[in-house]
């Protein structure tokens, strides 16, 4: 990598990935300062949902002139409102920039596509971008010659395992590891009575509410299976998941000759973030190294598809294609929000997503409008369906 400073836009700067990205940039710039060189990154744009005060603090620290806030008063933000992230990208992004896509849910999709159209590399932490619109995002990235750099620890691990230029025919399967979440050992009868407080007690990671609930249902692994299909161009039968409660092995690749290559590190998102920002170079990191002297074991167990049916739904989405991914993602977002409000039981989340996929049959995707319309219809159908469910529960 050259000594030139690279421009960075962070979409979702106040969430866990965004704040970790800030920490990584701070660390990498400090390394360069010790060498008497210019900063490795200059942050030229920040976008967030509603935490305006934190955006202001970040902007002051890094001298950022252009900021966006989806919800809140105008104040001193350059762009405000539901389309503010897209407007920010259109305002500041230039060819050769890198854009950290860390917004939650489908909201980050238009901004990510706009960044690709402007020739920006994408450090992708937003699973939903590829789940809902992989069929248009991947061709757009190829046509513009930009890199899609995975930030999820699982996809970062796979990318690192495949780094030597493995041919697809050499791969038997990709295996994505899952912690199992708070309900790994719960029987299904107990899971039926789980409330939001139970589901938010993740044993390994500290994350936002939505992704923590997705971890509890293993819908996050379903999203990651679909994302892996698009990132690594492999069919459903070559992508699997396995429970690994220590979250040390982040994923592994099995090869046709019987060998397996895995990536191991402590559960700290700053490592895959730094891998994406500096790819393919490796630099001194700010994440802890593996404590080999105290590590006593690594456990693995198969996914129980009765308790966690989401992985099967991911395989269904890959095989059906079209708008199926947008429907799964939208239905899940609405169902998770309903569960967090205490309106539906925990297992109803996956059941509702399955019903949405069965009801809203996939249609071809050729434009972003196709994805957004499928997203809108799935949200409306799911909200109506869950309102009926909630009323039925309330009336006993």
Protein backbone atom coordinates (compact mmCIF):
# COMPACT_ATOMS: atom_id res chain seq x y z
CA UNK A 1 0.00 0.00 0.00
CA UNK A 2 1.32 3.46 -0.84
CA UNK A 3 1.92 6.19 1.72
CA UNK A 4 -0.88 8.28 0.23
CA UNK A 5 -3.80 9.12 2.50
CA UNK A 6 -7.02 7.37 1.51
CA UNK A 7 -10.46 8.98 1.81
CA UNK A 8 -13.05 7.13 3.89
CA UNK A 9 -16.82 7.54 4.24
CA UNK A 10 -18.51 5.79 7.20
CA UNK A 11 -22.21 4.96 6.84
CA UNK A 12 -23.48 4.01 10.28
CA UNK A 13 -20.72 5.72 12.24
CA UNK A 14 -22.39 5.56 15.67
CA UNK A 15 -23.19 1.84 15.79
CA UNK A 16 -20.86 -0.87 17.05
CA UNK A 17 -19.18 -1.35 13.65
CA UNK A 18 -18.97 2.39 13.04
CA UNK A 19 -17.37 3.19 16.40
CA UNK A 20 -14.96 0.27 15.99
CA UNK A 21 -14.06 1.62 12.55
CA UNK A 22 -13.29 4.97 14.15
CA UNK A 23 -11.03 3.17 16.66
CA UNK A 24 -9.20 1.34 13.86
CA UNK A 25 -8.67 4.56 11.89
CA UNK A 26 -7.38 6.25 15.03
CA UNK A 27 -4.93 3.37 15.55
CA UNK A 28 -3.72 3.19 11.94
CA UNK A 29 -3.24 6.95 11.73
CA UNK A 30 -1.23 6.86 14.97
CA UNK A 31 1.04 4.19 13.47
CA UNK A 32 1.70 6.44 10.49
CA UNK A 33 2.29 9.45 12.73
CA UNK A 34 5.01 7.52 14.60
CA UNK A 35 6.69 6.92 11.24
CA UNK A 36 6.48 10.62 10.40
CA UNK A 37 4.07 9.94 7.53
CA UNK A 38 0.69 11.45 6.63
CA UNK A 39 -2.46 9.75 7.98
CA UNK A 40 -3.47 6.47 6.38
CA UNK A 41 -7.12 7.61 6.24
CA UNK A 42 -8.96 10.87 6.22
CA UNK A 43 -12.66 10.61 7.03
CA UNK A 44 -14.62 12.76 4.60
CA UNK A 45 -18.19 11.79 5.50
CA UNK A 46 -20.16 10.40 8.45
CA UNK A 47 -23.75 9.15 8.42
CA UNK A 48 -25.85 7.90 11.33
CA UNK A 49 -29.43 7.12 12.24
CA UNK A 50 -30.21 9.33 15.23
CA UNK A 51 -27.21 9.81 17.58
CA UNK A 52 -26.39 13.30 16.43
CA UNK A 53 -24.20 14.18 19.41
CA UNK A 54 -21.82 11.29 18.78
CA UNK A 55 -21.61 12.19 15.08
CA UNK A 56 -20.63 15.72 16.10
CA UNK A 57 -17.90 14.39 18.41
CA UNK A 58 -16.54 12.17 15.65
CA UNK A 59 -16.64 15.01 13.15
CA UNK A 60 -14.77 17.31 15.53
CA UNK A 61 -12.05 14.74 16.21
CA UNK A 62 -11.40 13.97 12.54
CA UNK A 63 -12.23 17.32 10.99
CA UNK A 64 -15.15 15.95 8.97
CA UNK A 65 -17.08 18.62 7.08
CA UNK A 66 -19.94 16.53 5.63
CA UNK A 67 -22.34 14.68 7.94
CA UNK A 68 -25.76 13.04 7.64
CA UNK A 69 -28.46 12.19 10.16
CA UNK A 70 -31.54 10.14 9.27
CA UNK A 71 -33.63 11.25 12.27
CA UNK A 72 -33.32 14.43 14.27
CA UNK A 73 -33.19 18.20 13.94
CA UNK A 74 -31.22 19.85 11.20
CA UNK A 75 -28.67 21.56 13.43
CA UNK A 76 -25.26 21.58 11.79
CA UNK A 77 -25.69 18.43 9.67
CA UNK A 78 -25.10 18.67 5.94
CA UNK A 79 -27.85 16.19 5.11
CA UNK A 80 -30.90 15.24 7.16
CA UNK A 81 -33.76 12.80 6.64
CA UNK A 82 -34.37 9.24 5.48
CA UNK A 83 -32.28 9.71 2.32
CA UNK A 84 -29.44 11.53 4.05
CA UNK A 85 -26.88 8.71 3.70
CA UNK A 86 -27.52 8.50 -0.05
CA UNK A 87 -27.23 12.29 -0.31
CA UNK A 88 -23.95 12.20 1.60
CA UNK A 89 -22.48 9.64 -0.79
CA UNK A 90 -23.63 11.66 -3.79
CA UNK A 91 -22.06 14.75 -2.19
CA UNK A 92 -18.62 13.49 -1.15
CA UNK A 93 -17.77 10.08 -2.67
CA UNK A 94 -15.09 9.98 -5.36
CA UNK A 95 -13.49 7.17 -7.38
CA UNK A 96 -10.91 5.35 -5.26
CA UNK A 97 -12.55 6.21 -1.92
CA UNK A 98 -13.48 3.44 0.48
CA UNK A 99 -16.97 3.42 1.99
CA UNK A 100 -17.70 1.55 5.21
CA UNK A 101 -21.25 0.23 4.83
CA UNK A 102 -22.35 -0.34 8.44
CA UNK A 103 -25.95 0.84 8.42
CA UNK A 104 -28.46 -1.61 9.89
CA UNK A 105 -31.02 -3.27 7.62
CA UNK A 106 -32.02 -2.47 4.06
CA UNK A 107 -31.66 1.29 4.63
CA UNK A 108 -28.02 1.20 3.53
CA UNK A 109 -28.69 -0.34 0.12
CA UNK A 110 -29.25 2.81 -2.01
CA UNK A 111 -26.20 4.54 -0.54
CA UNK A 112 -24.02 1.47 -1.11
CA UNK A 113 -25.12 1.19 -4.74
CA UNK A 114 -24.47 4.90 -5.24
CA UNK A 115 -20.96 4.49 -3.83
CA UNK A 116 -20.28 1.60 -6.21
CA UNK A 117 -21.49 3.71 -9.15
CA UNK A 118 -18.98 6.37 -8.11
CA UNK A 119 -16.10 3.89 -8.21
CA UNK A 120 -15.68 3.44 -4.46
CA UNK A 121 -14.48 0.25 -2.83
CA UNK A 122 -16.98 -1.02 -0.26
CA UNK A 123 -16.08 -2.39 3.17
CA UNK A 124 -19.35 -4.23 3.66
CA UNK A 125 -20.68 -4.79 7.17
CA UNK A 126 -24.32 -4.60 6.08
CA UNK A 127 -25.48 -8.17 5.36
CA UNK A 128 -28.81 -7.00 4.01
CA UNK A 129 -27.22 -5.27 1.00
CA UNK A 130 -26.31 -8.59 -0.60
CA UNK A 131 -29.19 -10.59 0.90
CA UNK A 132 -31.77 -8.30 -0.67
CA UNK A 133 -29.94 -7.16 -3.78
CA UNK A 134 -26.92 -9.34 -4.46
CA UNK A 135 -28.09 -9.92 -8.03
CA UNK A 136 -27.64 -6.23 -8.85
CA UNK A 137 -24.88 -5.25 -6.37
CA UNK A 138 -22.34 -7.85 -7.52
CA UNK A 139 -22.67 -7.09 -11.25
CA UNK A 140 -22.46 -3.37 -10.48
CA UNK A 141 -19.24 -3.88 -8.51
CA UNK A 142 -17.72 -5.98 -11.31
CA UNK A 143 -18.68 -3.46 -13.99
CA UNK A 144 -17.09 -0.61 -12.02
CA UNK A 145 -14.02 -2.63 -11.07
CA UNK A 146 -14.47 -1.95 -7.35
CA UNK A 147 -13.79 -4.29 -4.45
CA UNK A 148 -16.43 -5.59 -2.06
CA UNK A 149 -14.44 -6.23 1.13
CA UNK A 150 -16.29 -8.29 3.76
CA UNK A 151 -16.35 -6.95 7.31
CA UNK A 152 -18.45 -9.65 8.99
CA UNK A 153 -15.93 -11.75 10.90
CA UNK A 154 -17.21 -14.91 9.18
CA UNK A 155 -16.84 -13.63 5.63
CA UNK A 156 -13.55 -11.93 6.45
CA UNK A 157 -12.34 -15.32 7.70
CA UNK A 158 -13.41 -17.04 4.47
CA UNK A 159 -11.76 -14.34 2.35
CA UNK A 160 -8.54 -14.79 4.30
CA UNK A 161 -8.72 -18.58 3.88
CA UNK A 162 -9.24 -18.17 0.12
CA UNK A 163 -6.61 -15.46 -0.20
CA UNK A 164 -4.13 -17.58 -2.16
CA UNK A 165 -6.42 -17.63 -5.18
CA UNK A 166 -8.29 -20.87 -4.66
CA UNK A 167 -10.25 -22.06 -7.70
CA UNK A 168 -13.97 -22.72 -7.05
CA UNK A 169 -13.58 -26.35 -8.15
CA UNK A 170 -11.12 -26.88 -5.26
CA UNK A 171 -13.67 -25.90 -2.59
CA UNK A 172 -15.86 -28.63 -1.14
CA UNK A 173 -17.79 -26.23 1.09
CA UNK A 174 -17.63 -23.06 3.17
CA UNK A 175 -18.58 -23.51 6.81
CA UNK A 176 -19.74 -20.44 8.74
CA UNK A 177 -19.43 -20.70 12.51
CA UNK A 178 -22.15 -19.55 14.89
CA UNK A 179 -21.91 -19.00 18.63
CA UNK A 180 -25.37 -20.48 19.07
CA UNK A 181 -26.50 -17.34 20.88
CA UNK A 182 -28.26 -17.32 24.24
CA UNK A 183 -30.56 -20.24 23.33
CA UNK A 184 -27.90 -22.73 22.20
CA UNK A 185 -28.77 -25.18 25.00
CA UNK A 186 -32.44 -24.26 25.48
CA UNK A 187 -35.06 -26.89 24.58
CA UNK A 188 -37.65 -25.72 22.07
CA UNK A 189 -40.39 -25.63 24.74
CA UNK A 190 -38.39 -23.09 26.73
CA UNK A 191 -37.60 -21.06 23.60
CA UNK A 192 -41.34 -20.64 23.01
CA UNK A 193 -41.57 -18.58 26.22
CA UNK A 194 -38.38 -16.53 25.74
CA UNK A 195 -38.77 -12.77 25.95
CA UNK A 196 -36.64 -9.91 24.61
CA UNK A 197 -34.53 -9.74 27.78
CA UNK A 198 -33.59 -13.42 27.34
CA UNK A 199 -32.76 -13.05 23.66
CA UNK A 200 -30.59 -9.97 24.19
CA UNK A 201 -28.17 -11.82 26.51
CA UNK A 202 -25.59 -12.79 23.89
CA UNK A 203 -22.81 -14.91 25.43
CA UNK A 204 -19.95 -13.66 23.25
CA UNK A 205 -20.54 -10.47 21.27
CA UNK A 206 -21.73 -6.99 22.22
CA UNK A 207 -23.96 -5.80 19.38
CA UNK A 208 -27.04 -3.76 18.62
CA UNK A 209 -30.50 -5.07 19.47
CA UNK A 210 -31.55 -6.20 16.01
CA UNK A 211 -28.44 -8.24 15.25
CA UNK A 212 -28.47 -9.70 18.76
CA UNK A 213 -32.01 -11.00 18.23
CA UNK A 214 -30.92 -12.33 14.82
CA UNK A 215 -28.13 -14.18 16.60
CA UNK A 216 -30.61 -15.71 19.04
CA UNK A 217 -32.77 -17.02 16.17
CA UNK A 218 -29.70 -17.77 14.00
CA UNK A 219 -31.26 -15.57 11.33
CA UNK A 220 -27.92 -13.74 11.30
CA UNK A 221 -26.34 -16.99 10.07
CA UNK A 222 -29.06 -17.30 7.44
CA UNK A 223 -28.20 -13.80 6.22
CA UNK A 224 -24.50 -14.72 6.25
CA UNK A 225 -25.10 -17.90 4.24
CA UNK A 226 -26.88 -15.86 1.57
CA UNK A 227 -24.18 -13.19 1.67
CA UNK A 228 -21.49 -15.86 1.25
CA UNK A 229 -23.31 -17.16 -1.83
CA UNK A 230 -22.95 -13.76 -3.47
CA UNK A 231 -19.46 -12.91 -2.23
CA UNK A 232 -17.85 -16.23 -3.14
CA UNK A 233 -20.12 -17.36 -6.01
CA UNK A 234 -20.98 -20.78 -4.57
CA UNK A 235 -24.32 -22.62 -4.54
CA UNK A 236 -26.42 -23.40 -1.46
CA UNK A 237 -25.15 -26.97 -1.17
CA UNK A 238 -21.58 -25.69 -0.72
CA UNK A 239 -22.37 -23.32 2.17
CA UNK A 240 -23.12 -24.59 5.66
CA UNK A 241 -23.12 -23.46 9.29
CA UNK A 242 -21.92 -25.06 12.51
CA UNK A 243 -22.22 -24.14 16.19
CA UNK A 244 -18.93 -23.04 17.79
CA UNK A 245 -19.66 -21.41 21.17
CA UNK A 246 -16.18 -19.98 21.79
CA UNK A 247 -16.33 -17.73 18.68
CA UNK A 248 -12.60 -18.28 18.11
CA UNK A 249 -12.81 -20.05 14.74
CA UNK A 250 -14.66 -17.50 12.64
CA UNK A 251 -15.21 -19.74 9.63
CA UNK A 252 -13.37 -22.38 7.64
CA UNK A 253 -13.03 -23.69 4.13
CA UNK A 254 -13.03 -27.41 3.34
CA UNK A 255 -11.20 -28.45 0.17
CA UNK A 256 -11.87 -31.37 -2.14
CA UNK A 257 -8.60 -33.06 -1.11
CA UNK A 258 -9.84 -33.33 2.50
CA UNK A 259 -7.87 -30.44 3.99
CA UNK A 260 -9.42 -27.54 5.92
CA UNK A 261 -8.14 -23.99 6.37
CA UNK A 262 -9.61 -21.90 9.20
CA UNK A 263 -9.12 -18.38 10.54
CA UNK A 264 -8.84 -18.00 14.32
CA UNK A 265 -8.79 -14.89 16.49
CA UNK A 266 -10.45 -13.58 19.67
CA UNK A 267 -13.97 -12.19 19.12
CA UNK A 268 -13.11 -8.56 18.35
CA UNK A 269 -14.61 -6.81 15.33
CA UNK A 270 -11.67 -4.42 14.98
CA UNK A 271 -9.65 -7.19 13.33
CA UNK A 272 -11.98 -7.86 10.34
CA UNK A 273 -12.58 -4.11 10.03
CA UNK A 274 -8.84 -3.49 9.74
CA UNK A 275 -8.49 -6.40 7.28
CA UNK A 276 -11.10 -4.76 5.04
CA UNK A 277 -9.65 -1.25 5.29
CA UNK A 278 -6.07 -2.33 4.53
CA UNK A 279 -6.70 -5.35 2.26
CA UNK A 280 -4.57 -7.10 1.06
CA UNK A 281 -1.91 -5.67 3.39
CA UNK A 282 -1.59 -6.77 7.03
CA UNK A 283 -0.50 -4.19 9.59
CA UNK A 284 0.09 -4.05 13.31
CA UNK A 285 -3.38 -4.33 14.79
CA UNK A 286 -5.23 -2.95 17.79
CA UNK A 287 -7.03 -6.25 18.51
CA UNK A 288 -5.74 -8.80 21.03
CA UNK A 289 -3.74 -11.78 19.81
CA UNK A 290 -4.82 -15.35 20.48
CA UNK A 291 -4.11 -16.40 24.10
CA UNK A 292 -2.72 -19.78 23.09
CA UNK A 293 -1.25 -20.53 26.52
CA UNK A 294 -4.69 -20.39 28.17
CA UNK A 295 -6.84 -21.88 25.39
CA UNK A 296 -8.00 -25.32 26.49
CA UNK A 297 -10.47 -26.39 23.84
CA UNK A 298 -12.62 -25.60 20.82
CA UNK A 299 -16.11 -27.10 20.63
CA UNK A 300 -18.30 -27.70 17.58
CA UNK A 301 -21.80 -29.08 17.22
CA UNK A 302 -24.33 -29.31 14.38
CA UNK A 303 -27.17 -26.83 13.98
CA UNK A 304 -30.51 -28.12 15.27
CA UNK A 305 -32.76 -27.17 12.36
CA UNK A 306 -35.94 -27.74 14.35
CA UNK A 307 -35.00 -25.10 16.92
CA UNK A 308 -33.18 -22.92 14.40
CA UNK A 309 -34.94 -23.21 11.01
CA UNK A 310 -33.38 -20.02 9.61
CA UNK A 311 -30.47 -21.77 7.86
CA UNK A 312 -32.94 -23.83 5.82
CA UNK A 313 -34.67 -20.61 4.82
CA UNK A 314 -31.33 -19.25 3.59
CA UNK A 315 -30.81 -22.27 1.34
CA UNK A 316 -34.35 -21.78 0.03
CA UNK A 317 -33.63 -18.12 -0.79
CA UNK A 318 -30.42 -18.99 -2.65
CA UNK A 319 -32.17 -21.63 -4.74
CA UNK A 320 -35.22 -19.50 -5.52
CA UNK A 321 -33.32 -16.27 -6.25
CA UNK A 322 -35.05 -13.13 -7.46
CA UNK A 323 -36.81 -11.14 -4.76
CA UNK A 324 -36.71 -13.99 -2.21
CA UNK A 325 -33.80 -12.41 -0.34
CA UNK A 326 -35.55 -9.06 -0.09
CA UNK A 327 -38.67 -10.75 1.26
CA UNK A 328 -36.74 -12.74 3.88
CA UNK A 329 -34.82 -9.68 5.04
CA UNK A 330 -37.84 -7.36 5.23
CA UNK A 331 -40.09 -9.90 6.95
CA UNK A 332 -37.38 -10.60 9.50
CA UNK A 333 -36.82 -6.90 10.27
CA UNK A 334 -40.53 -6.35 10.93
CA UNK A 335 -40.84 -9.54 12.98
CA UNK A 336 -37.80 -8.72 15.13
CA UNK A 337 -39.18 -5.25 15.86
CA UNK A 338 -42.53 -6.79 16.85
CA UNK A 339 -40.79 -9.27 19.16
CA UNK A 340 -38.74 -6.51 20.80
CA UNK A 341 -41.99 -4.66 21.53
CA UNK A 342 -43.27 -7.78 23.28
CA UNK A 343 -46.05 -8.38 20.74
CA UNK A 344 -45.17 -11.87 19.51
CA UNK A 345 -43.38 -14.97 20.87
CA UNK A 346 -39.76 -15.58 19.92
CA UNK A 347 -40.31 -18.57 17.61
CA UNK A 348 -42.91 -16.58 15.66
CA UNK A 349 -40.04 -14.63 14.07
CA UNK A 350 -38.77 -17.52 11.93
CA UNK A 351 -42.27 -18.90 11.42
CA UNK A 352 -43.42 -15.56 9.99
CA UNK A 353 -40.40 -15.28 7.69
CA UNK A 354 -41.12 -18.78 6.36
CA UNK A 355 -44.76 -17.85 5.76
CA UNK A 356 -43.74 -14.65 3.97
CA UNK A 357 -41.47 -16.61 1.62
CA UNK A 358 -44.29 -19.08 0.92
CA UNK A 359 -46.84 -16.30 0.29
CA UNK A 360 -44.80 -13.66 -1.56
CA UNK A 361 -43.32 -15.77 -4.31
CA UNK A 362 -40.04 -14.54 -5.86
CA UNK A 363 -40.01 -12.36 -8.93
CA UNK A 364 -37.03 -11.46 -11.15
CA UNK A 365 -34.76 -8.61 -10.07
CA UNK A 366 -33.29 -6.29 -12.70
CA UNK A 367 -33.27 -2.91 -10.94
CA UNK A 368 -33.12 -1.44 -7.45
CA UNK A 369 -36.81 -0.56 -7.78
CA UNK A 370 -37.60 -4.30 -8.02
CA UNK A 371 -35.83 -4.86 -4.70
CA UNK A 372 -37.43 -1.87 -2.99
CA UNK A 373 -40.92 -2.87 -4.13
CA UNK A 374 -40.43 -6.42 -2.84
CA UNK A 375 -39.13 -4.97 0.42
CA UNK A 376 -42.18 -2.68 0.70
CA UNK A 377 -44.66 -5.47 0.00
CA UNK A 378 -42.98 -7.85 2.45
CA UNK A 379 -42.97 -5.24 5.20
CA UNK A 380 -46.65 -4.46 4.66
CA UNK A 381 -47.65 -8.14 4.54
CA UNK A 382 -45.62 -8.98 7.65
CA UNK A 383 -46.91 -6.02 9.65
CA UNK A 384 -50.52 -6.96 8.82
CA UNK A 385 -49.96 -10.63 9.59
CA UNK A 386 -48.25 -9.94 12.91
CA UNK A 387 -50.93 -7.45 13.93
CA UNK A 388 -53.47 -10.26 13.61
CA UNK A 389 -51.17 -12.59 15.55
CA UNK A 390 -50.68 -10.04 18.30
CA UNK A 391 -54.45 -9.44 18.62
CA UNK A 392 -55.08 -13.18 18.78
CA UNK A 393 -52.51 -13.54 21.57
CA UNK A 394 -53.98 -10.61 23.47
CA UNK A 395 -57.45 -12.16 23.35
CA UNK A 396 -56.11 -15.44 24.56
